[in-house]
Amino acid sequence: MPVSLERLIAEVEPNVITEQLTRECIQIVGADPDTLEEKKRNIAFREIECLAFSFKSIAKIDNLKGLEGLTKLQLDNNQLTKIENMAHLTNLTWLDLSFNKVTKIEGLGTLTK
């Protein structure tokens, strides 16, 4: 019997945003592929501009402190039900929350760019 994609997603263990996951999800445009992993390991959080947490089974937006330089944040295709803990990301110009099960949004009033 075929299993639906929605059922598979529901059975995946929720993930937490950690420093390791953040470093894995750093997007550096135009970076030399030979030095990309080293740059991801060594970049200061305040210098990160783009993160792609797509398809990471994230259940809660948390642990984004120190990422005030972020301009692009992808949180699509996760397990989010509540949008929170992003008020300090005032440099965001692009935010993708598509394909989540959001029922509550709060704290986005400071995101005006």
PDB file of N, CA and C in Angstrom:
ATOM      1  N   MET A   1       0.844  -1.181   0.000  1.00  0.00           N
ATOM      2  CA  MET A   1       0.000   0.000   0.000  1.00  0.00           C
ATOM      3  C   MET A   1       0.891   1.246   0.000  1.00  0.00           C
ATOM      4  N   PRO A   2       0.696   2.171  -0.922  1.00  0.00           N
ATOM      5  CA  PRO A   2       1.529   3.382  -0.966  1.00  0.00           C
ATOM      6  C   PRO A   2       1.291   4.281   0.245  1.00  0.00           C
ATOM      7  N   VAL A   3       2.365   4.921   0.683  1.00  0.00           N
ATOM      8  CA  VAL A   3       2.297   5.835   1.822  1.00  0.00           C
ATOM      9  C   VAL A   3       2.297   7.266   1.289  1.00  0.00           C
ATOM     10  N   SER A   4       1.409   8.088   1.824  1.00  0.00           N
ATOM     11  CA  SER A   4       1.332   9.475   1.364  1.00  0.00           C
ATOM     12  C   SER A   4       2.514  10.282   1.888  1.00  0.00           C
ATOM     13  N   LEU A   5       2.878  11.315   1.146  1.00  0.00           N
ATOM     14  CA  LEU A   5       3.959  12.204   1.559  1.00  0.00           C
ATOM     15  C   LEU A   5       3.625  12.871   2.888  1.00  0.00           C
ATOM     16  N   GLU A   6       2.385  13.271   3.071  1.00  0.00           N
ATOM     17  CA  GLU A   6       1.970  13.914   4.321  1.00  0.00           C
ATOM     18  C   GLU A   6       2.180  12.983   5.515  1.00  0.00           C
ATOM     19  N   ARG A   7       1.889  11.703   5.344  1.00  0.00           N
ATOM     20  CA  ARG A   7       2.079  10.741   6.434  1.00  0.00           C
ATOM     21  C   ARG A   7       3.557  10.567   6.740  1.00  0.00           C
ATOM     22  N   LEU A   8       4.383  10.488   5.700  1.00  0.00           N
ATOM     23  CA  LEU A   8       5.827  10.363   5.910  1.00  0.00           C
ATOM     24  C   LEU A   8       6.382  11.554   6.676  1.00  0.00           C
ATOM     25  N   ILE A   9       5.961  12.753   6.311  1.00  0.00           N
ATOM     26  CA  ILE A   9       6.413  13.961   6.989  1.00  0.00           C
ATOM     27  C   ILE A   9       5.988  13.948   8.448  1.00  0.00           C
ATOM     28  N   ALA A  10       4.757  13.511   8.723  1.00  0.00           N
ATOM     29  CA  ALA A  10       4.248  13.475  10.096  1.00  0.00           C
ATOM     30  C   ALA A  10       5.025  12.493  10.962  1.00  0.00           C
ATOM     31  N   GLU A  11       5.586  11.454  10.355  1.00  0.00           N
ATOM     32  CA  GLU A  11       6.317  10.436  11.116  1.00  0.00           C
ATOM     33  C   GLU A  11       7.785  10.783  11.337  1.00  0.00           C
ATOM     34  N   VAL A  12       8.287  11.797  10.654  1.00  0.00           N
ATOM     35  CA  VAL A  12       9.686  12.197  10.807  1.00  0.00           C
ATOM     36  C   VAL A  12       9.865  12.884  12.158  1.00  0.00           C
ATOM     37  N   GLU A  13      10.943  12.543  12.819  1.00  0.00           N
ATOM     38  CA  GLU A  13      11.252  13.142  14.120  1.00  0.00           C
ATOM     39  C   GLU A  13      11.522  14.636  13.947  1.00  0.00           C
ATOM     40  N   PRO A  14      10.864  15.482  14.758  1.00  0.00           N
ATOM     41  CA  PRO A  14      11.105  16.934  14.647  1.00  0.00           C
ATOM     42  C   PRO A  14      12.568  17.270  14.931  1.00  0.00           C
ATOM     43  N   ASN A  15      13.063  18.280  14.247  1.00  0.00           N
ATOM     44  CA  ASN A  15      14.444  18.705  14.362  1.00  0.00           C
ATOM     45  C   ASN A  15      14.509  20.053  15.086  1.00  0.00           C
ATOM     46  N   VAL A  16      15.639  20.341  15.691  1.00  0.00           N
ATOM     47  CA  VAL A  16      15.885  21.592  16.393  1.00  0.00           C
ATOM     48  C   VAL A  16      16.999  22.331  15.666  1.00  0.00           C
ATOM     49  N   ILE A  17      16.889  23.650  15.590  1.00  0.00           N
ATOM     50  CA  ILE A  17      17.952  24.444  14.967  1.00  0.00           C
ATOM     51  C   ILE A  17      19.124  24.516  15.946  1.00  0.00           C
ATOM     52  N   THR A  18      20.233  23.932  15.549  1.00  0.00           N
ATOM     53  CA  THR A  18      21.450  23.934  16.350  1.00  0.00           C
ATOM     54  C   THR A  18      22.532  24.695  15.580  1.00  0.00           C
ATOM     55  N   GLU A  19      23.663  24.935  16.223  1.00  0.00           N
ATOM     56  CA  GLU A  19      24.765  25.585  15.521  1.00  0.00           C
ATOM     57  C   GLU A  19      25.221  24.724  14.348  1.00  0.00           C
ATOM     58  N   GLN A  20      25.306  23.416  14.547  1.00  0.00           N
ATOM     59  CA  GLN A  20      25.742  22.526  13.474  1.00  0.00           C
ATOM     60  C   GLN A  20      24.772  22.586  12.289  1.00  0.00           C
ATOM     61  N   LEU A  21      23.474  22.515  12.557  1.00  0.00           N
ATOM     62  CA  LEU A  21      22.487  22.583  11.484  1.00  0.00           C
ATOM     63  C   LEU A  21      22.560  23.942  10.782  1.00  0.00           C
ATOM     64  N   THR A  22      22.720  25.006  11.553  1.00  0.00           N
ATOM     65  CA  THR A  22      22.838  26.341  10.964  1.00  0.00           C
ATOM     66  C   THR A  22      24.024  26.401  10.011  1.00  0.00           C
ATOM     67  N   ARG A  23      25.161  25.898  10.435  1.00  0.00           N
ATOM     68  CA  ARG A  23      26.353  25.921   9.581  1.00  0.00           C
ATOM     69  C   ARG A  23      26.149  25.085   8.311  1.00  0.00           C
ATOM     70  N   GLU A  24      25.457  23.956   8.428  1.00  0.00           N
ATOM     71  CA  GLU A  24      25.171  23.120   7.256  1.00  0.00           C
ATOM     72  C   GLU A  24      24.273  23.848   6.261  1.00  0.00           C
ATOM     73  N   CYS A  25      23.406  24.726   6.749  1.00  0.00           N
ATOM     74  CA  CYS A  25      22.393  25.374   5.916  1.00  0.00           C
ATOM     75  C   CYS A  25      22.808  26.748   5.389  1.00  0.00           C
ATOM     76  N   ILE A  26      24.028  27.178   5.679  1.00  0.00           N
ATOM     77  CA  ILE A  26      24.526  28.465   5.171  1.00  0.00           C
ATOM     78  C   ILE A  26      24.608  28.407   3.654  1.00  0.00           C
ATOM     79  N   GLN A  27      24.110  29.453   3.027  1.00  0.00           N
ATOM     80  CA  GLN A  27      24.205  29.603   1.577  1.00  0.00           C
ATOM     81  C   GLN A  27      25.166  30.756   1.283  1.00  0.00           C
ATOM     82  N   ILE A  28      26.220  30.482   0.527  1.00  0.00           N
ATOM     83  CA  ILE A  28      27.183  31.514   0.155  1.00  0.00           C
ATOM     84  C   ILE A  28      27.215  31.588  -1.368  1.00  0.00           C
ATOM     85  N   VAL A  29      26.663  32.645  -1.907  1.00  0.00           N
ATOM     86  CA  VAL A  29      26.576  32.814  -3.350  1.00  0.00           C
ATOM     87  C   VAL A  29      27.949  33.124  -3.929  1.00  0.00           C
ATOM     88  N   GLY A  30      28.302  32.422  -4.984  1.00  0.00           N
ATOM     89  CA  GLY A  30      29.554  32.686  -5.676  1.00  0.00           C
ATOM     90  C   GLY A  30      30.796  32.174  -4.976  1.00  0.00           C
ATOM     91  N   ALA A  31      30.631  31.361  -3.960  1.00  0.00           N
ATOM     92  CA  ALA A  31      31.793  30.845  -3.225  1.00  0.00           C
ATOM     93  C   ALA A  31      32.494  29.760  -4.035  1.00  0.00           C
ATOM     94  N   ASP A  32      33.791  29.697  -3.898  1.00  0.00           N
ATOM     95  CA  ASP A  32      34.598  28.669  -4.542  1.00  0.00           C
ATOM     96  C   ASP A  32      34.228  27.320  -3.903  1.00  0.00           C
ATOM     97  N   PRO A  33      33.797  26.340  -4.698  1.00  0.00           N
ATOM     98  CA  PRO A  33      33.408  25.043  -4.143  1.00  0.00           C
ATOM     99  C   PRO A  33      34.513  24.368  -3.330  1.00  0.00           C
ATOM    100  N   ASP A  34      35.747  24.647  -3.644  1.00  0.00           N
ATOM    101  CA  ASP A  34      36.870  24.033  -2.930  1.00  0.00           C
ATOM    102  C   ASP A  34      37.022  24.565  -1.507  1.00  0.00           C
ATOM    103  N   THR A  35      36.541  25.784  -1.254  1.00  0.00           N
ATOM    104  CA  THR A  35      36.700  26.380   0.083  1.00  0.00           C
ATOM    105  C   THR A  35      35.360  26.610   0.787  1.00  0.00           C
ATOM    106  N   LEU A  36      34.261  26.181   0.163  1.00  0.00           N
ATOM    107  CA  LEU A  36      32.925  26.436   0.707  1.00  0.00           C
ATOM    108  C   LEU A  36      32.738  25.863   2.111  1.00  0.00           C
ATOM    109  N   GLU A  37      33.090  24.607   2.323  1.00  0.00           N
ATOM    110  CA  GLU A  37      32.889  23.977   3.629  1.00  0.00           C
ATOM    111  C   GLU A  37      33.718  24.666   4.714  1.00  0.00           C
ATOM    112  N   GLU A  38      34.927  25.073   4.382  1.00  0.00           N
ATOM    113  CA  GLU A  38      35.767  25.790   5.349  1.00  0.00           C
ATOM    114  C   GLU A  38      35.133  27.131   5.714  1.00  0.00           C
ATOM    115  N   LYS A  39      34.595  27.840   4.713  1.00  0.00           N
ATOM    116  CA  LYS A  39      33.933  29.117   4.976  1.00  0.00           C
ATOM    117  C   LYS A  39      32.718  28.923   5.874  1.00  0.00           C
ATOM    118  N   LYS A  40      31.948  27.866   5.634  1.00  0.00           N
ATOM    119  CA  LYS A  40      30.769  27.587   6.459  1.00  0.00           C
ATOM    120  C   LYS A  40      31.166  27.325   7.918  1.00  0.00           C
ATOM    121  N   ARG A  41      32.282  26.627   8.107  1.00  0.00           N
ATOM    122  CA  ARG A  41      32.737  26.316   9.471  1.00  0.00           C
ATOM    123  C   ARG A  41      33.237  27.538  10.216  1.00  0.00           C
ATOM    124  N   ASN A  42      33.812  28.508   9.483  1.00  0.00           N
ATOM    125  CA  ASN A  42      34.517  29.613  10.131  1.00  0.00           C
ATOM    126  C   ASN A  42      33.801  30.957  10.117  1.00  0.00           C
ATOM    127  N   ILE A  43      32.746  31.107   9.340  1.00  0.00           N
ATOM    128  CA  ILE A  43      32.070  32.402   9.253  1.00  0.00           C
ATOM    129  C   ILE A  43      31.409  32.758  10.592  1.00  0.00           C
ATOM    130  N   ALA A  44      31.531  33.997  10.980  1.00  0.00           N
ATOM    131  CA  ALA A  44      30.859  34.471  12.198  1.00  0.00           C
ATOM    132  C   ALA A  44      29.358  34.559  11.928  1.00  0.00           C
ATOM    133  N   PHE A  45      28.544  34.207  12.913  1.00  0.00           N
ATOM    134  CA  PHE A  45      27.095  34.222  12.727  1.00  0.00           C
ATOM    135  C   PHE A  45      26.593  35.592  12.280  1.00  0.00           C
ATOM    136  N   ARG A  46      27.167  36.663  12.783  1.00  0.00           N
ATOM    137  CA  ARG A  46      26.700  38.007  12.430  1.00  0.00           C
ATOM    138  C   ARG A  46      26.936  38.328  10.953  1.00  0.00           C
ATOM    139  N   GLU A  47      27.811  37.557  10.277  1.00  0.00           N
ATOM    140  CA  GLU A  47      28.122  37.771   8.866  1.00  0.00           C
ATOM    141  C   GLU A  47      27.284  36.916   7.918  1.00  0.00           C
ATOM    142  N   ILE A  48      26.524  35.982   8.458  1.00  0.00           N
ATOM    143  CA  ILE A  48      25.700  35.103   7.616  1.00  0.00           C
ATOM    144  C   ILE A  48      24.540  35.909   7.050  1.00  0.00           C
ATOM    145  N   GLU A  49      24.354  35.848   5.735  1.00  0.00           N
ATOM    146  CA  GLU A  49      23.283  36.582   5.074  1.00  0.00           C
ATOM    147  C   GLU A  49      22.146  35.678   4.604  1.00  0.00           C
ATOM    148  N   CYS A  50      22.428  34.408   4.342  1.00  0.00           N
ATOM    149  CA  CYS A  50      21.412  33.531   3.763  1.00  0.00           C
ATOM    150  C   CYS A  50      21.470  32.144   4.400  1.00  0.00           C
ATOM    151  N   LEU A  51      20.307  31.675   4.863  1.00  0.00           N
ATOM    152  CA  LEU A  51      20.179  30.324   5.423  1.00  0.00           C
ATOM    153  C   LEU A  51      19.016  29.607   4.745  1.00  0.00           C
ATOM    154  N   ALA A  52      19.225  28.336   4.424  1.00  0.00           N
ATOM    155  CA  ALA A  52      18.170  27.525   3.798  1.00  0.00           C
ATOM    156  C   ALA A  52      17.919  26.288   4.655  1.00  0.00           C
ATOM    157  N   PHE A  53      16.897  26.375   5.516  1.00  0.00           N
ATOM    158  CA  PHE A  53      16.505  25.266   6.378  1.00  0.00           C
ATOM    159  C   PHE A  53      15.374  24.451   5.748  1.00  0.00           C
ATOM    160  N   SER A  54      15.289  24.419   4.442  1.00  0.00           N
ATOM    161  CA  SER A  54      14.226  23.694   3.747  1.00  0.00           C
ATOM    162  C   SER A  54      14.331  22.189   4.002  1.00  0.00           C
ATOM    163  N   PHE A  55      13.161  21.554   4.208  1.00  0.00           N
ATOM    164  CA  PHE A  55      13.075  20.094   4.369  1.00  0.00           C
ATOM    165  C   PHE A  55      13.950  19.565   5.504  1.00  0.00           C
ATOM    166  N   LYS A  56      13.994  20.261   6.650  1.00  0.00           N
ATOM    167  CA  LYS A  56      14.816  19.831   7.783  1.00  0.00           C
ATOM    168  C   LYS A  56      13.972  19.340   8.965  1.00  0.00           C
ATOM    169  N   SER A  57      12.667  19.214   8.791  1.00  0.00           N
ATOM    170  CA  SER A  57      11.760  18.733   9.849  1.00  0.00           C
ATOM    171  C   SER A  57      11.795  19.623  11.089  1.00  0.00           C
ATOM    172  N   ILE A  58      11.995  20.914  10.903  1.00  0.00           N
ATOM    173  CA  ILE A  58      12.059  21.847  12.029  1.00  0.00           C
ATOM    174  C   ILE A  58      10.654  22.082  12.576  1.00  0.00           C
ATOM    175  N   ALA A  59      10.515  21.938  13.883  1.00  0.00           N
ATOM    176  CA  ALA A  59       9.211  22.086  14.524  1.00  0.00           C
ATOM    177  C   ALA A  59       9.058  23.432  15.226  1.00  0.00           C
ATOM    178  N   LYS A  60      10.185  24.107  15.524  1.00  0.00           N
ATOM    179  CA  LYS A  60      10.128  25.372  16.251  1.00  0.00           C
ATOM    180  C   LYS A  60      11.239  26.295  15.776  1.00  0.00           C
ATOM    181  N   ILE A  61      10.880  27.572  15.573  1.00  0.00           N
ATOM    182  CA  ILE A  61      11.883  28.573  15.210  1.00  0.00           C
ATOM    183  C   ILE A  61      12.557  29.036  16.492  1.00  0.00           C
ATOM    184  N   ASP A  62      13.832  28.723  16.622  1.00  0.00           N
ATOM    185  CA  ASP A  62      14.566  29.053  17.833  1.00  0.00           C
ATOM    186  C   ASP A  62      16.059  29.044  17.512  1.00  0.00           C
ATOM    187  N   ASN A  63      16.853  29.563  18.412  1.00  0.00           N
ATOM    188  CA  ASN A  63      18.312  29.565  18.292  1.00  0.00           C
ATOM    189  C   ASN A  63      18.815  30.334  17.074  1.00  0.00           C
ATOM    190  N   LEU A  64      18.179  31.462  16.783  1.00  0.00           N
ATOM    191  CA  LEU A  64      18.624  32.317  15.681  1.00  0.00           C
ATOM    192  C   LEU A  64      19.305  33.587  16.202  1.00  0.00           C
ATOM    193  N   LYS A  65      19.659  33.617  17.465  1.00  0.00           N
ATOM    194  CA  LYS A  65      20.360  34.768  18.038  1.00  0.00           C
ATOM    195  C   LYS A  65      21.730  34.912  17.388  1.00  0.00           C
ATOM    196  N   GLY A  66      22.147  36.145  17.185  1.00  0.00           N
ATOM    197  CA  GLY A  66      23.439  36.410  16.572  1.00  0.00           C
ATOM    198  C   GLY A  66      23.391  36.468  15.061  1.00  0.00           C
ATOM    199  N   LEU A  67      22.214  36.247  14.480  1.00  0.00           N
ATOM    200  CA  LEU A  67      22.068  36.223  13.021  1.00  0.00           C
ATOM    201  C   LEU A  67      21.406  37.496  12.501  1.00  0.00           C
ATOM    202  N   GLU A  68      21.692  38.622  13.143  1.00  0.00           N
ATOM    203  CA  GLU A  68      21.052  39.884  12.789  1.00  0.00           C
ATOM    204  C   GLU A  68      21.380  40.355  11.368  1.00  0.00           C
ATOM    205  N   GLY A  69      22.438  39.838  10.753  1.00  0.00           N
ATOM    206  CA  GLY A  69      22.803  40.208   9.391  1.00  0.00           C
ATOM    207  C   GLY A  69      22.047  39.425   8.322  1.00  0.00           C
ATOM    208  N   LEU A  70      21.221  38.495   8.754  1.00  0.00           N
ATOM    209  CA  LEU A  70      20.481  37.639   7.828  1.00  0.00           C
ATOM    210  C   LEU A  70      19.536  38.453   6.951  1.00  0.00           C
ATOM    211  N   THR A  71      19.616  38.247   5.640  1.00  0.00           N
ATOM    212  CA  THR A  71      18.709  38.924   4.710  1.00  0.00           C
ATOM    213  C   THR A  71      17.747  37.946   4.045  1.00  0.00           C
ATOM    214  N   LYS A  72      18.115  36.668   3.992  1.00  0.00           N
ATOM    215  CA  LYS A  72      17.263  35.654   3.370  1.00  0.00           C
ATOM    216  C   LYS A  72      17.183  34.429   4.275  1.00  0.00           C
ATOM    217  N   LEU A  73      15.945  34.001   4.575  1.00  0.00           N
ATOM    218  CA  LEU A  73      15.727  32.851   5.451  1.00  0.00           C
ATOM    219  C   LEU A  73      14.673  31.939   4.846  1.00  0.00           C
ATOM    220  N   GLN A  74      15.067  30.721   4.566  1.00  0.00           N
ATOM    221  CA  GLN A  74      14.157  29.720   4.025  1.00  0.00           C
ATOM    222  C   GLN A  74      13.831  28.705   5.116  1.00  0.00           C
ATOM    223  N   LEU A  75      12.566  28.650   5.481  1.00  0.00           N
ATOM    224  CA  LEU A  75      12.072  27.680   6.459  1.00  0.00           C
ATOM    225  C   LEU A  75      10.933  26.854   5.856  1.00  0.00           C
ATOM    226  N   ASP A  76      10.913  26.773   4.538  1.00  0.00           N
ATOM    227  CA  ASP A  76       9.831  26.065   3.860  1.00  0.00           C
ATOM    228  C   ASP A  76       9.915  24.549   4.072  1.00  0.00           C
ATOM    229  N   ASN A  77       8.766  23.894   3.922  1.00  0.00           N
ATOM    230  CA  ASN A  77       8.674  22.429   3.976  1.00  0.00           C
ATOM    231  C   ASN A  77       9.221  21.849   5.282  1.00  0.00           C
ATOM    232  N   ASN A  78       8.732  22.376   6.391  1.00  0.00           N
ATOM    233  CA  ASN A  78       9.091  21.881   7.710  1.00  0.00           C
ATOM    234  C   ASN A  78       7.825  21.534   8.487  1.00  0.00           C
ATOM    235  N   GLN A  79       7.914  21.501   9.801  1.00  0.00           N
ATOM    236  CA  GLN A  79       6.779  21.139  10.652  1.00  0.00           C
ATOM    237  C   GLN A  79       6.355  22.303  11.540  1.00  0.00           C
ATOM    238  N   LEU A  80       6.538  23.513  11.073  1.00  0.00           N
ATOM    239  CA  LEU A  80       6.239  24.704  11.867  1.00  0.00           C
ATOM    240  C   LEU A  80       4.739  24.937  11.978  1.00  0.00           C
ATOM    241  N   THR A  81       4.298  25.225  13.196  1.00  0.00           N
ATOM    242  CA  THR A  81       2.906  25.605  13.417  1.00  0.00           C
ATOM    243  C   THR A  81       2.805  27.032  13.940  1.00  0.00           C
ATOM    244  N   LYS A  82       3.914  27.531  14.503  1.00  0.00           N
ATOM    245  CA  LYS A  82       3.924  28.873  15.083  1.00  0.00           C
ATOM    246  C   LYS A  82       5.150  29.640  14.577  1.00  0.00           C
ATOM    247  N   ILE A  83       4.911  30.854  14.106  1.00  0.00           N
ATOM    248  CA  ILE A  83       6.006  31.712  13.656  1.00  0.00           C
ATOM    249  C   ILE A  83       6.340  32.645  14.809  1.00  0.00           C
ATOM    250  N   GLU A  84       7.550  32.528  15.331  1.00  0.00           N
ATOM    251  CA  GLU A  84       7.980  33.296  16.503  1.00  0.00           C
ATOM    252  C   GLU A  84       9.503  33.408  16.526  1.00  0.00           C
ATOM    253  N   ASN A  85       9.999  34.179  17.479  1.00  0.00           N
ATOM    254  CA  ASN A  85      11.441  34.311  17.733  1.00  0.00           C
ATOM    255  C   ASN A  85      12.230  34.849  16.547  1.00  0.00           C
ATOM    256  N   MET A  86      11.617  35.770  15.793  1.00  0.00           N
ATOM    257  CA  MET A  86      12.319  36.343  14.649  1.00  0.00           C
ATOM    258  C   MET A  86      12.352  37.866  14.681  1.00  0.00           C
ATOM    259  N   ALA A  87      11.864  38.487  15.735  1.00  0.00           N
ATOM    260  CA  ALA A  87      11.778  39.946  15.806  1.00  0.00           C
ATOM    261  C   ALA A  87      13.143  40.622  15.663  1.00  0.00           C
ATOM    262  N   HIS A  88      14.215  39.962  16.056  1.00  0.00           N
ATOM    263  CA  HIS A  88      15.565  40.544  15.990  1.00  0.00           C
ATOM    264  C   HIS A  88      16.188  40.457  14.588  1.00  0.00           C
ATOM    265  N   LEU A  89      15.544  39.773  13.671  1.00  0.00           N
ATOM    266  CA  LEU A  89      16.084  39.613  12.311  1.00  0.00           C
ATOM    267  C   LEU A  89      15.621  40.756  11.415  1.00  0.00           C
ATOM    268  N   THR A  90      15.961  41.969  11.802  1.00  0.00           N
ATOM    269  CA  THR A  90      15.429  43.176  11.160  1.00  0.00           C
ATOM    270  C   THR A  90      15.987  43.441   9.769  1.00  0.00           C
ATOM    271  N   ASN A  91      17.000  42.707   9.336  1.00  0.00           N
ATOM    272  CA  ASN A  91      17.545  42.894   7.995  1.00  0.00           C
ATOM    273  C   ASN A  91      16.953  41.928   6.966  1.00  0.00           C
ATOM    274  N   LEU A  92      16.028  41.080   7.399  1.00  0.00           N
ATOM    275  CA  LEU A  92      15.404  40.127   6.471  1.00  0.00           C
ATOM    276  C   LEU A  92      14.659  40.869   5.367  1.00  0.00           C
ATOM    277  N   THR A  93      14.922  40.470   4.146  1.00  0.00           N
ATOM    278  CA  THR A  93      14.173  41.001   3.006  1.00  0.00           C
ATOM    279  C   THR A  93      13.425  39.879   2.298  1.00  0.00           C
ATOM    280  N   TRP A  94      13.757  38.631   2.619  1.00  0.00           N
ATOM    281  CA  TRP A  94      13.136  37.482   1.975  1.00  0.00           C
ATOM    282  C   TRP A  94      12.930  36.392   3.018  1.00  0.00           C
ATOM    283  N   LEU A  95      11.691  35.956   3.194  1.00  0.00           N
ATOM    284  CA  LEU A  95      11.343  34.938   4.184  1.00  0.00           C
ATOM    285  C   LEU A  95      10.391  33.947   3.539  1.00  0.00           C
ATOM    286  N   ASP A  96      10.759  32.672   3.543  1.00  0.00           N
ATOM    287  CA  ASP A  96       9.918  31.623   2.962  1.00  0.00           C
ATOM    288  C   ASP A  96       9.453  30.693   4.072  1.00  0.00           C
ATOM    289  N   LEU A  97       8.153  30.712   4.320  1.00  0.00           N
ATOM    290  CA  LEU A  97       7.537  29.844   5.323  1.00  0.00           C
ATOM    291  C   LEU A  97       6.531  28.893   4.674  1.00  0.00           C
ATOM    292  N   SER A  98       6.607  28.736   3.372  1.00  0.00           N
ATOM    293  CA  SER A  98       5.631  27.923   2.654  1.00  0.00           C
ATOM    294  C   SER A  98       5.709  26.441   3.047  1.00  0.00           C
ATOM    295  N   PHE A  99       4.603  25.778   2.870  1.00  0.00           N
ATOM    296  CA  PHE A  99       4.477  24.342   3.128  1.00  0.00           C
ATOM    297  C   PHE A  99       4.824  23.956   4.565  1.00  0.00           C
ATOM    298  N   ASN A 100       4.263  24.702   5.491  1.00  0.00           N
ATOM    299  CA  ASN A 100       4.270  24.391   6.909  1.00  0.00           C
ATOM    300  C   ASN A 100       2.811  24.347   7.338  1.00  0.00           C
ATOM    301  N   LYS A 101       2.559  24.095   8.596  1.00  0.00           N
ATOM    302  CA  LYS A 101       1.179  24.059   9.098  1.00  0.00           C
ATOM    303  C   LYS A 101       0.991  25.179  10.120  1.00  0.00           C
ATOM    304  N   VAL A 102       1.239  26.396   9.674  1.00  0.00           N
ATOM    305  CA  VAL A 102       1.222  27.569  10.541  1.00  0.00           C
ATOM    306  C   VAL A 102      -0.206  27.893  10.990  1.00  0.00           C
ATOM    307  N   THR A 103      -0.360  28.017  12.309  1.00  0.00           N
ATOM    308  CA  THR A 103      -1.645  28.427  12.870  1.00  0.00           C
ATOM    309  C   THR A 103      -1.533  29.737  13.638  1.00  0.00           C
ATOM    310  N   LYS A 104      -0.285  30.150  13.963  1.00  0.00           N
ATOM    311  CA  LYS A 104      -0.100  31.378  14.727  1.00  0.00           C
ATOM    312  C   LYS A 104       1.158  32.104  14.251  1.00  0.00           C
ATOM    313  N   ILE A 105       1.009  33.425  14.037  1.00  0.00           N
ATOM    314  CA  ILE A 105       2.130  34.266  13.640  1.00  0.00           C
ATOM    315  C   ILE A 105       2.253  35.397  14.645  1.00  0.00           C
ATOM    316  N   GLU A 106       3.449  35.587  15.182  1.00  0.00           N
ATOM    317  CA  GLU A 106       3.675  36.708  16.113  1.00  0.00           C
ATOM    318  C   GLU A 106       5.109  37.187  16.014  1.00  0.00           C
ATOM    319  N   GLY A 107       5.308  38.453  16.368  1.00  0.00           N
ATOM    320  CA  GLY A 107       6.645  39.019  16.439  1.00  0.00           C
ATOM    321  C   GLY A 107       7.274  39.385  15.112  1.00  0.00           C
ATOM    322  N   LEU A 108       6.479  39.602  14.076  1.00  0.00           N
ATOM    323  CA  LEU A 108       7.059  39.971  12.796  1.00  0.00           C
ATOM    324  C   LEU A 108       6.945  41.468  12.526  1.00  0.00           C
ATOM    325  N   GLY A 109       6.430  42.240  13.472  1.00  0.00           N
ATOM    326  CA  GLY A 109       6.222  43.682  13.293  1.00  0.00           C
ATOM    327  C   GLY A 109       7.505  44.459  13.062  1.00  0.00           C
ATOM    328  N   THR A 110       8.637  43.940  13.531  1.00  0.00           N
ATOM    329  CA  THR A 110       9.913  44.642  13.371  1.00  0.00           C
ATOM    330  C   THR A 110      10.578  44.327  12.028  1.00  0.00           C
ATOM    331  N   LEU A 111      10.023  43.398  11.289  1.00  0.00           N
ATOM    332  CA  LEU A 111      10.580  43.024   9.988  1.00  0.00           C
ATOM    333  C   LEU A 111       9.924  43.893   8.920  1.00  0.00           C
ATOM    334  N   THR A 112      10.571  44.997   8.611  1.00  0.00           N
ATOM    335  CA  THR A 112       9.935  45.993   7.736  1.00  0.00           C
ATOM    336  C   THR A 112      10.654  46.202   6.412  1.00  0.00           C
ATOM    337  N   LYS A 113      11.717  45.484   6.135  1.00  0.00           N
ATOM    338  CA  LYS A 113      12.478  45.691   4.890  1.00  0.00           C
ATOM    339  C   LYS A 113      11.885  44.940   3.725  1.00  0.00           C
TER     340      LYS A 113
END
